[in-house]
């Protein structure tokens, strides 16, 4: 994991994401965030079923990361039905800057 993934909550207002914030961004941008049960859960269980959902998921993540004063290239976000929440979260942590 990158150094960003080890930041604590006190650093969140300084243009950094905490792992929890990144996970929240990943989950809330799925079609079914209320179905979230843990970071090992596949995104397909949260409604990421195909290209349309992946496109919307990535766009939502990019927008929410921007609200934190950071940028991320949607091509650096790992999203898809066979990707788990933790992998997607870590791709956000590792690539948001």
Foldseek 3Di string as FASTA:
>chain_A
DDPLAVDDPVCQLVLGDYLVRLLVQQLVQFCASVQDDDQQAFSVSRPQADDVRLVSSLVSSQVVSVVSVWGFDSVQADHHRRDTSSNRSVSCNVGID
